[in-house]
Amino acid sequence: MSRIIQFIKGLLAKGPDKEERNMINDLLSPEAQQAFYHMTSADQRHSLNVMKTAMEIVEHEALAASIDVDFLKRCCLLHDIGRGPKMNSFRKSYGVLLDKFCHDWSLKNSQKPSNNIFKDIMYRYYNHPVIGCNELMRLGMVHEADIVLRHHSGNTENLLINEKKILSVLMQADNSN
C-alpha cells in the first residue's frame, strides 16, 4: 500500500515553491542547482521532503551543534541526482517490480547504461548513488559526493564522527520518505 501511495504522490508532485527555490539558491552553487532542477519534479519533491524530515531529526536529537546543518541539507537535496531526468514515477515503479520479481535478471542487467529501457531503468535504480557521486565530484562537491555514494549502503568506513551522523540522518530521512 505504501508503494501505491508513493506512486500517486510521485505523479502529483510539484517542484519547489518560491520559498524553497530561494533556500535552494542559498544552499547550492549554480551548477549544483542545475543538477537539482535536472531531476524530475517527483525527485525534487522527495529530496525536499527528505531535507525537511532530516531537519526534524536534527532538532529532535539536538544534533545542530554537532553537525554542519547546511552540509546535511545539501546532501539531502542532492542525494538522488543520479536518477536523472528520466526516472519518472512509472520507470521507478518498473524498477521496483523488476527488482522484486526478476531480481537476478535485474542485477545482471544493471551493470552499464543501455538503450534498452528496462536495462537502463535497472542501471539507474541500482547505481544512482554512484552516478550521483560522480556528478558531484565533477562539480567539486567531494564531501557531499562521499555521503551520496553511501546513502543506501550505510558504509561508514573512513568517515569522521560528524559525517557518520550526517549519513545516519540522511538515511533515516530518506527511508521515511
Protein backbone atom coordinates (compact mmCIF):
# COMPACT_ATOMS: atom_id res chain seq x y z
CA MET A 1 0.00 0.00 0.00
CA SER A 2 2.85 2.40 0.82
CA ARG A 3 4.29 1.87 -2.68
CA ILE A 4 0.92 2.76 -4.23
CA ILE A 5 0.75 5.94 -2.16
CA GLN A 6 4.35 6.73 -3.12
CA PHE A 7 3.48 6.24 -6.81
CA ILE A 8 0.46 8.56 -6.62
CA LYS A 9 2.46 11.20 -4.74
CA GLY A 10 5.13 10.97 -7.43
CA LEU A 11 2.58 11.51 -10.18
CA LEU A 12 1.10 14.54 -8.41
CA ALA A 13 4.39 16.02 -7.18
CA LYS A 14 5.12 19.66 -7.80
CA GLY A 15 8.56 21.17 -7.89
CA PRO A 16 9.79 23.66 -5.31
CA ASP A 17 7.74 26.73 -4.45
CA LYS A 18 9.26 30.23 -4.35
CA GLU A 19 10.43 29.95 -0.73
CA GLU A 20 12.01 26.57 -1.40
CA ARG A 21 13.70 27.91 -4.55
CA ASN A 22 15.22 30.74 -2.53
CA MET A 23 16.53 28.25 0.02
CA ILE A 24 17.95 26.03 -2.74
CA ASN A 25 19.64 29.05 -4.31
CA ASP A 26 21.21 29.93 -0.95
CA LEU A 27 22.49 26.39 -0.32
CA LEU A 28 23.66 25.25 -3.75
CA SER A 29 26.07 26.65 -6.31
CA PRO A 30 24.56 27.45 -9.72
CA GLU A 31 25.97 24.16 -11.09
CA ALA A 32 24.51 22.15 -8.20
CA GLN A 33 21.19 23.96 -8.63
CA GLN A 34 21.20 22.87 -12.26
CA ALA A 35 21.78 19.25 -11.17
CA PHE A 36 18.91 19.52 -8.67
CA TYR A 37 16.50 21.01 -11.20
CA HIS A 38 17.53 18.36 -13.75
CA MET A 39 15.76 15.74 -11.60
CA THR A 40 12.07 15.00 -12.09
CA SER A 41 9.58 17.06 -10.06
CA ALA A 42 8.86 13.93 -8.03
CA ASP A 43 12.55 13.52 -7.12
CA GLN A 44 12.85 17.23 -6.36
CA ARG A 45 9.84 16.98 -4.03
CA HIS A 46 11.20 13.78 -2.50
CA SER A 47 14.56 15.45 -1.83
CA LEU A 48 12.88 18.48 -0.25
CA ASN A 49 10.79 16.15 1.94
CA VAL A 50 13.94 14.24 2.93
CA MET A 51 15.56 17.53 3.91
CA LYS A 52 12.53 18.56 5.97
CA THR A 53 12.49 15.21 7.76
CA ALA A 54 16.26 15.42 8.32
CA MET A 55 15.84 18.82 9.98
CA GLU A 56 13.14 17.36 12.25
CA ILE A 57 15.52 14.55 13.23
CA VAL A 58 18.32 17.06 13.90
CA GLU A 59 16.00 19.10 16.11
CA HIS A 60 14.57 16.06 17.92
CA GLU A 61 18.01 14.59 18.60
CA ALA A 62 19.61 18.00 19.34
CA LEU A 63 22.32 17.46 16.71
CA ALA A 64 22.55 21.00 15.33
CA ALA A 65 25.57 21.87 17.46
CA SER A 66 27.50 18.73 16.45
CA ILE A 67 27.00 18.67 12.67
CA ASP A 68 27.17 21.03 9.70
CA VAL A 69 23.45 21.54 9.05
CA ASP A 70 23.96 23.23 5.67
CA PHE A 71 26.14 20.30 4.57
CA LEU A 72 23.35 17.91 5.60
CA LYS A 73 20.80 19.98 3.67
CA ARG A 74 22.96 19.89 0.54
CA CYS A 75 23.33 16.11 0.85
CA CYS A 76 19.56 15.74 1.23
CA LEU A 77 18.83 17.91 -1.79
CA LEU A 78 21.35 16.11 -3.99
CA HIS A 79 21.22 12.50 -2.77
CA ASP A 80 19.18 11.26 -5.76
CA ILE A 81 20.62 13.33 -8.63
CA GLY A 82 21.99 10.10 -10.07
CA ARG A 83 18.48 9.08 -11.07
CA GLY A 84 18.49 11.82 -13.66
CA PRO A 85 15.57 13.30 -15.57
CA LYS A 86 14.22 10.03 -17.00
CA MET A 87 13.39 8.20 -13.76
CA ASN A 88 9.78 9.27 -13.50
CA SER A 89 7.19 7.53 -11.33
CA PHE A 90 6.41 4.92 -13.98
CA ARG A 91 10.06 3.98 -14.51
CA LYS A 92 10.68 3.82 -10.76
CA SER A 93 7.67 1.51 -10.45
CA TYR A 94 9.10 -0.75 -13.15
CA GLY A 95 12.37 -0.75 -11.24
CA VAL A 96 10.68 -1.78 -8.00
CA LEU A 97 8.69 -4.52 -9.75
CA LEU A 98 11.63 -5.84 -11.75
CA ASP A 99 13.78 -5.89 -8.62
CA LYS A 100 11.09 -7.76 -6.71
CA PHE A 101 10.02 -10.29 -9.35
CA CYS A 102 13.08 -10.59 -11.60
CA HIS A 103 15.86 -9.82 -9.15
CA ASP A 104 18.60 -11.95 -10.73
CA TRP A 105 17.83 -10.59 -14.22
CA SER A 106 17.73 -7.05 -12.83
CA LEU A 107 21.12 -7.35 -11.15
CA LYS A 108 22.68 -8.97 -14.21
CA ASN A 109 21.38 -6.21 -16.48
CA SER A 110 22.19 -3.22 -14.27
CA GLN A 111 25.93 -3.06 -14.81
CA LYS A 112 26.03 -0.38 -17.52
CA PRO A 113 23.79 2.18 -19.25
CA SER A 114 21.74 0.70 -22.04
CA ASN A 115 19.47 1.76 -24.89
CA ASN A 116 17.09 -0.95 -23.67
CA ILE A 117 14.56 0.89 -21.48
CA PHE A 118 14.33 -1.85 -18.82
CA LYS A 119 18.09 -2.34 -18.58
CA ASP A 120 18.57 1.42 -18.31
CA ILE A 121 15.92 1.61 -15.57
CA MET A 122 17.73 -1.06 -13.59
CA TYR A 123 21.10 0.61 -14.16
CA ARG A 124 19.81 3.85 -12.63
CA TYR A 125 17.74 2.04 -9.98
CA TYR A 126 20.77 0.26 -8.53
CA ASN A 127 23.56 2.67 -9.43
CA HIS A 128 22.11 6.13 -8.80
CA PRO A 129 24.35 6.66 -5.73
CA VAL A 130 27.47 6.05 -7.85
CA ILE A 131 26.12 8.15 -10.73
CA GLY A 132 25.24 10.97 -8.32
CA CYS A 133 28.63 10.72 -6.61
CA ASN A 134 30.38 11.07 -9.97
CA GLU A 135 28.25 14.09 -10.86
CA LEU A 136 29.02 15.76 -7.53
CA MET A 137 32.73 15.02 -7.91
CA ARG A 138 32.59 16.70 -11.32
CA LEU A 139 31.06 19.73 -9.58
CA GLY A 140 33.83 19.76 -6.96
CA MET A 141 31.47 18.71 -4.15
CA VAL A 142 33.77 15.97 -2.86
CA HIS A 143 32.37 15.66 0.67
CA GLU A 144 28.75 15.64 -0.48
CA ALA A 145 29.71 13.06 -3.12
CA ASP A 146 31.09 10.76 -0.42
CA ILE A 147 27.84 10.90 1.58
CA VAL A 148 25.63 10.50 -1.52
CA LEU A 149 27.66 7.45 -2.56
CA ARG A 150 26.90 5.79 0.79
CA HIS A 151 23.24 6.80 1.23
CA HIS A 152 21.94 3.29 0.51
CA SER A 153 24.86 1.16 1.66
CA GLY A 154 25.34 2.90 5.01
CA ASN A 155 29.07 2.18 4.81
CA THR A 156 30.72 4.44 7.42
CA GLU A 157 34.29 3.30 6.80
CA ASN A 158 36.74 6.24 6.86
CA LEU A 159 34.04 8.78 7.79
CA LEU A 160 34.54 11.29 10.59
CA ILE A 161 32.09 11.18 13.51
CA ASN A 162 30.06 14.17 12.26
CA GLU A 163 29.93 12.64 8.74
CA LYS A 164 28.63 9.39 10.25
CA LYS A 165 25.88 11.38 11.97
CA ILE A 166 25.01 13.16 8.72
CA LEU A 167 24.86 9.87 6.81
CA SER A 168 22.69 8.35 9.52
CA VAL A 169 20.24 11.27 9.50
CA LEU A 170 20.10 11.27 5.67
CA MET A 171 19.38 7.55 5.59
CA GLN A 172 16.66 7.81 8.27
CA ALA A 173 15.03 10.72 6.47
CA ASP A 174 15.27 9.01 3.07
CA ASN A 175 13.73 5.81 4.44
CA SER A 176 10.86 7.85 5.92
CA ASN A 177 10.06 9.42 2.58
